[in-house]
Amino acid sequence: MSRMVRIAGGSSLLVAGTAMLVLPGPGLLTIAAGLAVLARDVAWARRASQRIRSLRPRRARAQDGG
């Protein structure tokens, strides 16, 4: 049951974030949050999340501790 809730919630965040790319709101942040939620259960979201993390500047990774 909780897996279905996570997938539904993550998918909703992805859809909302995509809409916020053209509407007012933090679209990229919402998409990143949706990928983070989905990454627990879906392989493609895990890979996308890791890819986004690898694109962050080196300085930001050092401050995060990762």
Protein backbone atom coordinates (compact mmCIF):
# COMPACT_ATOMS: atom_id res chain seq x y z
CA MET A 1 0.00 0.00 0.00
CA SER A 2 2.70 2.50 0.92
CA ARG A 3 4.56 1.80 -2.34
CA MET A 4 1.48 2.77 -4.34
CA VAL A 5 1.10 5.95 -2.28
CA ARG A 6 4.76 6.89 -2.90
CA ILE A 7 4.44 6.26 -6.64
CA ALA A 8 1.22 8.26 -6.84
CA GLY A 9 2.69 11.11 -4.80
CA GLY A 10 5.93 11.21 -6.78
CA SER A 11 4.04 11.12 -10.06
CA SER A 12 1.81 13.95 -8.89
CA LEU A 13 4.87 16.01 -7.99
CA LEU A 14 6.37 15.36 -11.42
CA VAL A 15 3.17 16.43 -13.18
CA ALA A 16 2.82 19.52 -10.98
CA GLY A 17 6.48 20.43 -11.51
CA THR A 18 6.13 20.05 -15.26
CA ALA A 19 3.11 22.35 -15.20
CA MET A 20 5.04 24.86 -13.09
CA LEU A 21 7.65 25.15 -15.82
CA VAL A 22 5.15 27.33 -17.69
CA LEU A 23 3.01 28.41 -14.73
CA PRO A 24 4.23 30.34 -11.70
CA GLY A 25 5.95 28.15 -9.15
CA PRO A 26 9.16 26.27 -8.37
CA GLY A 27 8.97 23.80 -11.26
CA LEU A 28 12.49 22.39 -11.19
CA LEU A 29 12.45 22.02 -7.43
CA THR A 30 9.12 20.19 -7.57
CA ILE A 31 10.38 17.88 -10.33
CA ALA A 32 13.48 17.10 -8.25
CA ALA A 33 11.26 16.32 -5.24
CA GLY A 34 9.09 14.03 -7.36
CA LEU A 35 12.13 12.17 -8.62
CA ALA A 36 13.43 11.81 -5.07
CA VAL A 37 10.15 10.26 -3.94
CA LEU A 38 9.94 7.95 -6.96
CA ALA A 39 13.59 6.91 -6.68
CA ARG A 40 12.77 4.60 -3.78
CA ASP A 41 10.61 2.39 -6.00
CA VAL A 42 11.33 3.11 -9.67
CA ALA A 43 14.67 2.43 -11.36
CA TRP A 44 14.42 5.14 -14.04
CA ALA A 45 13.72 7.79 -11.40
CA ARG A 46 16.72 6.61 -9.38
CA ARG A 47 18.97 6.94 -12.43
CA ALA A 48 17.56 10.38 -13.28
CA SER A 49 18.01 11.55 -9.71
CA GLN A 50 21.64 10.36 -9.66
CA ARG A 51 22.28 12.06 -12.98
CA ILE A 52 20.89 15.36 -11.70
CA ARG A 53 23.04 15.09 -8.57
CA SER A 54 26.13 14.53 -10.69
CA LEU A 55 25.42 17.73 -12.65
CA ARG A 56 25.45 19.93 -9.55
CA PRO A 57 28.51 22.14 -9.20
CA ARG A 58 31.35 20.69 -7.15
CA ARG A 59 31.09 23.44 -4.54
CA ALA A 60 27.42 22.65 -3.80
CA ARG A 61 28.25 18.95 -3.33
CA ALA A 62 31.06 19.80 -0.89
CA GLN A 63 28.71 21.91 1.23
CA ASP A 64 26.11 19.12 1.32
CA GLY A 65 28.66 16.58 2.43
CA GLY A 66 28.13 14.42 -0.65
